[in-house]
Amino acid sequence: MKETKKGKCAIQVINRLKTDSSNLSESKIKEIWMEEMKKLTSSEDSINKCCPRKTLIGLILNNKTIINSEKNDNFTSKNYDYVRFLIEEKKLPKNPILKSDKLKCWKLIQNKFEKAPQNQNGQLDVLLALQQINLLK
């Protein structure tokens, strides 16, 4: 799968948080995300896009396996719900058919969530990037 800026940003955020996971919070992850996106693009739309950022925040705060920290379990976002569905119900990390096919993944999300947008907005870039570096179990 082709590396995307949003996927690359997610990995950079995680690498930074692994060196300092104290006071892990939504605001801290957002701040680091914005800093890392600014290194990758000058597009304000890309930097401020909340869909991939909220997906990453949910994955980090609700999954102790990504960053060894206290599990929060209370971050909610429809963007996180989309990827959580793929992980929990469709067993994404172990499903070879879905491992790199964003279109198939998004179709599953649209079938499950009536109000899902027509196109994914970076959520799957984040999810598949973390899967490629074996952070999803």
N, C-alpha and C. Protein backbone atom coordinates (compact mmCIF):
# COMPACT_ATOMS: atom_id res chain seq x y z
N MET A 1 0.83 -1.19 0.00
CA MET A 1 0.00 0.00 0.00
C MET A 1 0.88 1.25 0.00
N LYS A 2 0.49 2.23 -0.78
CA LYS A 2 1.23 3.48 -0.87
C LYS A 2 1.14 4.25 0.45
N GLU A 3 2.28 4.74 0.90
CA GLU A 3 2.29 5.52 2.14
C GLU A 3 1.65 6.89 1.89
N THR A 4 0.79 7.30 2.79
CA THR A 4 0.12 8.60 2.67
C THR A 4 0.66 9.54 3.75
N LYS A 5 0.43 10.83 3.56
CA LYS A 5 0.88 11.81 4.55
C LYS A 5 0.20 11.58 5.90
N LYS A 6 -1.09 11.24 5.85
CA LYS A 6 -1.81 11.01 7.10
C LYS A 6 -1.31 9.75 7.81
N GLY A 7 -1.01 8.72 7.04
CA GLY A 7 -0.46 7.50 7.63
C GLY A 7 0.93 7.75 8.21
N LYS A 8 1.74 8.48 7.46
CA LYS A 8 3.09 8.81 7.93
C LYS A 8 3.03 9.66 9.20
N CYS A 9 2.12 10.61 9.22
CA CYS A 9 1.95 11.48 10.38
C CYS A 9 1.58 10.64 11.60
N ALA A 10 0.64 9.71 11.42
CA ALA A 10 0.21 8.85 12.54
C ALA A 10 1.40 8.11 13.14
N ILE A 11 2.25 7.57 12.29
CA ILE A 11 3.42 6.83 12.77
C ILE A 11 4.39 7.76 13.49
N GLN A 12 4.58 8.97 12.97
CA GLN A 12 5.47 9.93 13.62
C GLN A 12 4.92 10.34 14.99
N VAL A 13 3.62 10.53 15.08
CA VAL A 13 3.00 10.88 16.37
C VAL A 13 3.25 9.76 17.37
N ILE A 14 3.02 8.55 16.97
CA ILE A 14 3.22 7.40 17.88
C ILE A 14 4.67 7.30 18.31
N ASN A 15 5.59 7.49 17.38
CA ASN A 15 7.01 7.43 17.75
C ASN A 15 7.37 8.50 18.77
N ARG A 16 6.82 9.68 18.61
CA ARG A 16 7.08 10.73 19.60
C ARG A 16 6.46 10.40 20.95
N LEU A 17 5.24 9.86 20.92
CA LEU A 17 4.56 9.54 22.18
C LEU A 17 5.23 8.38 22.91
N LYS A 18 5.85 7.49 22.18
CA LYS A 18 6.53 6.36 22.82
C LYS A 18 7.70 6.84 23.68
N THR A 19 8.30 7.97 23.29
CA THR A 19 9.40 8.50 24.09
C THR A 19 8.90 9.29 25.29
N ASP A 20 7.65 9.75 25.23
CA ASP A 20 7.08 10.49 26.35
C ASP A 20 5.57 10.27 26.38
N SER A 21 5.15 9.23 27.06
CA SER A 21 3.71 8.95 27.12
C SER A 21 3.10 9.44 28.43
N SER A 22 3.84 10.27 29.15
CA SER A 22 3.26 10.83 30.38
C SER A 22 2.17 11.83 30.01
N ASN A 23 1.17 11.90 30.84
CA ASN A 23 0.05 12.82 30.62
C ASN A 23 -0.58 12.68 29.24
N LEU A 24 -0.72 11.46 28.80
CA LEU A 24 -1.31 11.20 27.50
C LEU A 24 -2.76 11.69 27.50
N SER A 25 -3.08 12.57 26.55
CA SER A 25 -4.42 13.14 26.49
C SER A 25 -4.78 13.47 25.06
N GLU A 26 -6.06 13.71 24.85
CA GLU A 26 -6.52 14.10 23.52
C GLU A 26 -5.80 15.37 23.06
N SER A 27 -5.67 16.35 23.93
CA SER A 27 -5.05 17.61 23.53
C SER A 27 -3.56 17.44 23.20
N LYS A 28 -2.87 16.58 23.94
CA LYS A 28 -1.45 16.35 23.66
C LYS A 28 -1.28 15.65 22.31
N ILE A 29 -2.11 14.66 22.03
CA ILE A 29 -2.02 13.95 20.75
C ILE A 29 -2.36 14.91 19.61
N LYS A 30 -3.37 15.74 19.79
CA LYS A 30 -3.75 16.72 18.76
C LYS A 30 -2.60 17.68 18.48
N GLU A 31 -1.98 18.17 19.52
CA GLU A 31 -0.85 19.11 19.37
C GLU A 31 0.29 18.48 18.57
N ILE A 32 0.63 17.24 18.92
CA ILE A 32 1.73 16.56 18.21
C ILE A 32 1.31 16.27 16.76
N TRP A 33 0.06 15.87 16.56
CA TRP A 33 -0.43 15.63 15.20
C TRP A 33 -0.25 16.88 14.34
N MET A 34 -0.68 18.02 14.86
CA MET A 34 -0.59 19.29 14.10
C MET A 34 0.87 19.61 13.78
N GLU A 35 1.76 19.43 14.75
CA GLU A 35 3.19 19.69 14.52
C GLU A 35 3.75 18.78 13.43
N GLU A 36 3.40 17.51 13.48
CA GLU A 36 3.93 16.55 12.51
C GLU A 36 3.33 16.77 11.12
N MET A 37 2.05 17.11 11.03
CA MET A 37 1.45 17.38 9.72
C MET A 37 2.08 18.61 9.07
N LYS A 38 2.43 19.60 9.89
CA LYS A 38 3.07 20.80 9.35
C LYS A 38 4.42 20.48 8.73
N LYS A 39 5.06 19.43 9.19
CA LYS A 39 6.34 19.00 8.60
C LYS A 39 6.13 18.31 7.25
N LEU A 40 4.92 17.79 7.04
CA LEU A 40 4.63 17.01 5.83
C LEU A 40 3.93 17.79 4.73
N THR A 41 3.22 18.87 5.12
CA THR A 41 2.44 19.62 4.13
C THR A 41 2.25 21.05 4.60
N SER A 42 2.03 21.93 3.64
CA SER A 42 1.68 23.31 3.98
C SER A 42 0.18 23.54 3.84
N SER A 43 -0.55 22.51 3.43
CA SER A 43 -1.99 22.63 3.24
C SER A 43 -2.70 22.73 4.59
N GLU A 44 -3.32 23.89 4.84
CA GLU A 44 -4.05 24.08 6.09
C GLU A 44 -5.21 23.09 6.22
N ASP A 45 -5.84 22.76 5.09
CA ASP A 45 -6.93 21.77 5.13
C ASP A 45 -6.43 20.42 5.64
N SER A 46 -5.29 19.98 5.13
CA SER A 46 -4.72 18.70 5.57
C SER A 46 -4.28 18.75 7.03
N ILE A 47 -3.67 19.85 7.41
CA ILE A 47 -3.19 20.00 8.79
C ILE A 47 -4.36 19.97 9.78
N ASN A 48 -5.45 20.64 9.43
CA ASN A 48 -6.58 20.77 10.35
C ASN A 48 -7.64 19.67 10.22
N LYS A 49 -7.48 18.77 9.27
CA LYS A 49 -8.47 17.70 9.05
C LYS A 49 -8.63 16.86 10.31
N CYS A 50 -9.84 16.80 10.82
CA CYS A 50 -10.05 16.11 12.10
C CYS A 50 -10.29 14.61 11.96
N CYS A 51 -10.75 14.13 10.81
CA CYS A 51 -11.09 12.71 10.67
C CYS A 51 -9.92 11.77 10.97
N PRO A 52 -8.78 11.95 10.32
CA PRO A 52 -7.66 11.05 10.64
C PRO A 52 -7.11 11.28 12.04
N ARG A 53 -7.10 12.53 12.47
CA ARG A 53 -6.58 12.85 13.80
C ARG A 53 -7.43 12.20 14.89
N LYS A 54 -8.74 12.30 14.78
CA LYS A 54 -9.61 11.70 15.80
C LYS A 54 -9.56 10.18 15.75
N THR A 55 -9.32 9.64 14.58
CA THR A 55 -9.13 8.19 14.47
C THR A 55 -7.91 7.78 15.26
N LEU A 56 -6.81 8.50 15.08
CA LEU A 56 -5.57 8.18 15.80
C LEU A 56 -5.75 8.38 17.30
N ILE A 57 -6.39 9.45 17.69
CA ILE A 57 -6.61 9.70 19.12
C ILE A 57 -7.38 8.54 19.74
N GLY A 58 -8.44 8.11 19.08
CA GLY A 58 -9.21 6.97 19.59
C GLY A 58 -8.39 5.70 19.67
N LEU A 59 -7.61 5.44 18.63
CA LEU A 59 -6.78 4.23 18.63
C LEU A 59 -5.76 4.26 19.77
N ILE A 60 -5.18 5.41 20.02
CA ILE A 60 -4.17 5.51 21.08
C ILE A 60 -4.82 5.45 22.47
N LEU A 61 -5.84 6.25 22.70
CA LEU A 61 -6.42 6.34 24.04
C LEU A 61 -7.23 5.11 24.43
N ASN A 62 -7.76 4.39 23.45
CA ASN A 62 -8.62 3.26 23.76
C ASN A 62 -7.93 1.90 23.55
N ASN A 63 -6.68 1.90 23.17
CA ASN A 63 -5.97 0.64 22.91
C ASN A 63 -4.60 0.68 23.56
N LYS A 64 -4.48 0.04 24.69
CA LYS A 64 -3.22 0.06 25.43
C LYS A 64 -2.06 -0.55 24.64
N THR A 65 -2.35 -1.39 23.64
CA THR A 65 -1.29 -2.05 22.89
C THR A 65 -0.51 -1.11 21.98
N ILE A 66 -1.09 0.03 21.61
CA ILE A 66 -0.39 0.94 20.70
C ILE A 66 0.68 1.73 21.43
N ILE A 67 0.33 2.29 22.55
CA ILE A 67 1.31 2.99 23.39
C ILE A 67 1.10 2.44 24.79
N ASN A 68 2.16 2.01 25.40
CA ASN A 68 2.05 1.40 26.72
C ASN A 68 1.71 2.48 27.75
N SER A 69 0.43 2.69 27.92
CA SER A 69 -0.04 3.70 28.88
C SER A 69 -1.33 3.20 29.51
N GLU A 70 -1.83 3.96 30.43
CA GLU A 70 -3.10 3.59 31.04
C GLU A 70 -4.20 3.65 29.98
N LYS A 71 -4.98 2.62 29.91
CA LYS A 71 -6.07 2.57 28.94
C LYS A 71 -7.18 3.53 29.38
N ASN A 72 -7.64 4.35 28.46
CA ASN A 72 -8.65 5.35 28.76
C ASN A 72 -10.05 4.82 28.54
N ASP A 73 -10.29 4.26 27.36
CA ASP A 73 -11.57 3.62 27.03
C ASP A 73 -12.76 4.56 26.96
N ASN A 74 -12.58 5.86 27.05
CA ASN A 74 -13.76 6.71 26.99
C ASN A 74 -13.71 7.76 25.90
N PHE A 75 -12.74 7.68 25.00
CA PHE A 75 -12.71 8.61 23.87
C PHE A 75 -13.74 8.16 22.85
N THR A 76 -14.60 9.06 22.43
CA THR A 76 -15.61 8.72 21.44
C THR A 76 -15.52 9.66 20.25
N SER A 77 -15.71 9.08 19.10
CA SER A 77 -15.71 9.82 17.84
C SER A 77 -16.26 8.88 16.78
N LYS A 78 -17.06 9.39 15.88
CA LYS A 78 -17.57 8.52 14.81
C LYS A 78 -16.40 8.00 13.96
N ASN A 79 -15.35 8.79 13.82
CA ASN A 79 -14.19 8.36 13.03
C ASN A 79 -13.51 7.16 13.69
N TYR A 80 -13.38 7.21 14.99
CA TYR A 80 -12.81 6.06 15.71
C TYR A 80 -13.77 4.87 15.65
N ASP A 81 -15.06 5.13 15.74
CA ASP A 81 -16.04 4.04 15.67
C ASP A 81 -15.92 3.27 14.35
N TYR A 82 -15.66 3.97 13.26
CA TYR A 82 -15.51 3.31 11.96
C TYR A 82 -14.36 2.30 11.99
N VAL A 83 -13.21 2.74 12.46
CA VAL A 83 -12.05 1.83 12.44
C VAL A 83 -12.15 0.77 13.52
N ARG A 84 -12.76 1.11 14.65
CA ARG A 84 -12.97 0.10 15.69
C ARG A 84 -13.84 -1.04 15.17
N PHE A 85 -14.85 -0.71 14.40
CA PHE A 85 -15.70 -1.72 13.77
C PHE A 85 -14.86 -2.66 12.90
N LEU A 86 -13.96 -2.09 12.08
CA LEU A 86 -13.13 -2.95 11.23
C LEU A 86 -12.21 -3.84 12.05
N ILE A 87 -11.69 -3.31 13.13
CA ILE A 87 -10.77 -4.09 13.97
C ILE A 87 -11.53 -5.18 14.73
N GLU A 88 -12.60 -4.81 15.38
CA GLU A 88 -13.30 -5.74 16.27
C GLU A 88 -14.21 -6.71 15.53
N GLU A 89 -15.00 -6.21 14.60
CA GLU A 89 -15.99 -7.08 13.95
C GLU A 89 -15.47 -7.75 12.69
N LYS A 90 -14.58 -7.10 11.97
CA LYS A 90 -14.07 -7.66 10.72
C LYS A 90 -12.66 -8.22 10.86
N LYS A 91 -12.11 -8.11 12.07
CA LYS A 91 -10.78 -8.67 12.37
C LYS A 91 -9.74 -8.20 11.35
N LEU A 92 -9.72 -6.90 11.13
CA LEU A 92 -8.86 -6.32 10.08
C LEU A 92 -7.40 -6.79 10.12
N PRO A 93 -6.73 -6.73 11.26
CA PRO A 93 -5.31 -7.08 11.19
C PRO A 93 -5.04 -8.50 10.67
N LYS A 94 -5.98 -9.41 10.86
CA LYS A 94 -5.77 -10.79 10.44
C LYS A 94 -6.52 -11.14 9.16
N ASN A 95 -7.27 -10.20 8.61
CA ASN A 95 -8.07 -10.46 7.42
C ASN A 95 -7.29 -10.05 6.17
N PRO A 96 -6.73 -11.02 5.43
CA PRO A 96 -5.86 -10.68 4.30
C PRO A 96 -6.59 -9.93 3.18
N ILE A 97 -7.88 -10.11 3.08
CA ILE A 97 -8.64 -9.43 2.02
C ILE A 97 -8.71 -7.93 2.29
N LEU A 98 -8.79 -7.54 3.55
CA LEU A 98 -8.96 -6.14 3.89
C LEU A 98 -7.65 -5.41 4.15
N LYS A 99 -6.56 -6.14 4.27
CA LYS A 99 -5.30 -5.54 4.75
C LYS A 99 -4.83 -4.32 3.99
N SER A 100 -5.15 -4.22 2.71
CA SER A 100 -4.66 -3.05 1.96
C SER A 100 -5.72 -2.48 1.02
N ASP A 101 -6.94 -2.89 1.16
CA ASP A 101 -7.98 -2.44 0.25
C ASP A 101 -8.91 -1.43 0.95
N LYS A 102 -8.58 -0.16 0.78
CA LYS A 102 -9.37 0.89 1.44
C LYS A 102 -10.81 0.92 0.93
N LEU A 103 -11.01 0.65 -0.36
CA LEU A 103 -12.35 0.68 -0.91
C LEU A 103 -13.25 -0.39 -0.27
N LYS A 104 -12.74 -1.61 -0.14
CA LYS A 104 -13.52 -2.68 0.50
C LYS A 104 -13.79 -2.34 1.96
N CYS A 105 -12.79 -1.82 2.64
CA CYS A 105 -12.97 -1.44 4.04
C CYS A 105 -14.05 -0.38 4.18
N TRP A 106 -14.00 0.64 3.32
CA TRP A 106 -14.97 1.72 3.44
C TRP A 106 -16.37 1.25 3.10
N LYS A 107 -16.50 0.35 2.14
CA LYS A 107 -17.82 -0.21 1.81
C LYS A 107 -18.42 -0.93 3.03
N LEU A 108 -17.59 -1.67 3.77
CA LEU A 108 -18.06 -2.33 4.99
C LEU A 108 -18.56 -1.31 6.01
N ILE A 109 -17.81 -0.22 6.13
CA ILE A 109 -18.20 0.85 7.06
C ILE A 109 -19.53 1.48 6.62
N GLN A 110 -19.66 1.76 5.33
CA GLN A 110 -20.90 2.36 4.84
C GLN A 110 -22.10 1.43 5.04
N ASN A 111 -21.88 0.14 4.92
CA ASN A 111 -22.96 -0.82 5.15
C ASN A 111 -23.37 -0.87 6.62
N LYS A 112 -22.43 -0.63 7.51
CA LYS A 112 -22.69 -0.69 8.95
C LYS A 112 -23.23 0.64 9.48
N PHE A 113 -22.67 1.75 9.01
CA PHE A 113 -23.01 3.07 9.53
C PHE A 113 -23.77 3.86 8.46
N GLU A 114 -25.04 4.05 8.69
CA GLU A 114 -25.91 4.70 7.71
C GLU A 114 -25.43 6.09 7.32
N LYS A 115 -24.86 6.83 8.26
CA LYS A 115 -24.48 8.21 7.98
C LYS A 115 -22.99 8.38 7.64
N ALA A 116 -22.31 7.29 7.34
CA ALA A 116 -20.90 7.40 6.95
C ALA A 116 -20.81 8.19 5.64
N PRO A 117 -19.79 9.03 5.51
CA PRO A 117 -19.65 9.79 4.26
C PRO A 117 -19.40 8.88 3.05
N GLN A 118 -19.55 9.45 1.88
CA GLN A 118 -19.33 8.69 0.65
C GLN A 118 -17.88 8.20 0.53
N ASN A 119 -16.95 9.01 1.00
CA ASN A 119 -15.54 8.66 0.88
C ASN A 119 -14.88 8.74 2.25
N GLN A 120 -13.87 7.91 2.41
CA GLN A 120 -13.11 7.99 3.66
C GLN A 120 -12.26 9.25 3.62
N ASN A 121 -12.00 9.81 4.77
CA ASN A 121 -11.28 11.09 4.87
C ASN A 121 -9.99 10.96 5.65
N GLY A 122 -9.26 9.90 5.42
CA GLY A 122 -7.98 9.72 6.09
C GLY A 122 -8.03 8.72 7.24
N GLN A 123 -9.23 8.33 7.65
CA GLN A 123 -9.33 7.38 8.75
C GLN A 123 -8.60 6.08 8.41
N LEU A 124 -8.82 5.59 7.19
CA LEU A 124 -8.21 4.32 6.80
C LEU A 124 -6.72 4.45 6.53
N ASP A 125 -6.27 5.64 6.14
CA ASP A 125 -4.83 5.86 5.98
C ASP A 125 -4.12 5.63 7.32
N VAL A 126 -4.72 6.15 8.38
CA VAL A 126 -4.17 5.98 9.73
C VAL A 126 -4.22 4.51 10.14
N LEU A 127 -5.37 3.90 9.99
CA LEU A 127 -5.55 2.51 10.40
C LEU A 127 -4.59 1.57 9.66
N LEU A 128 -4.53 1.70 8.35
CA LEU A 128 -3.69 0.78 7.58
C LEU A 128 -2.20 1.04 7.81
N ALA A 129 -1.82 2.29 8.08
CA ALA A 129 -0.41 2.58 8.39
C ALA A 129 -0.01 1.89 9.70
N LEU A 130 -0.87 1.94 10.70
CA LEU A 130 -0.57 1.29 11.98
C LEU A 130 -0.55 -0.23 11.82
N GLN A 131 -1.42 -0.71 10.97
CA GLN A 131 -1.44 -2.15 10.71
C GLN A 131 -0.15 -2.60 10.04
N GLN A 132 0.35 -1.80 9.10
CA GLN A 132 1.56 -2.17 8.37
C GLN A 132 2.78 -2.25 9.28
N ILE A 133 2.80 -1.48 10.34
CA ILE A 133 3.94 -1.56 11.26
C ILE A 133 3.61 -2.42 12.49
N ASN A 134 2.57 -3.24 12.35
CA ASN A 134 2.21 -4.25 13.35
C ASN A 134 1.81 -3.68 14.70
N LEU A 135 1.14 -2.54 14.72
CA LEU A 135 0.66 -1.99 15.99
C LEU A 135 -0.75 -2.42 16.32
N LEU A 136 -1.42 -3.05 15.39
CA LEU A 136 -2.77 -3.53 15.66
C LEU A 136 -2.72 -5.02 15.87
N LYS A 137 -3.25 -5.47 16.98
CA LYS A 137 -3.21 -6.90 17.30
C LYS A 137 -4.59 -7.48 17.19
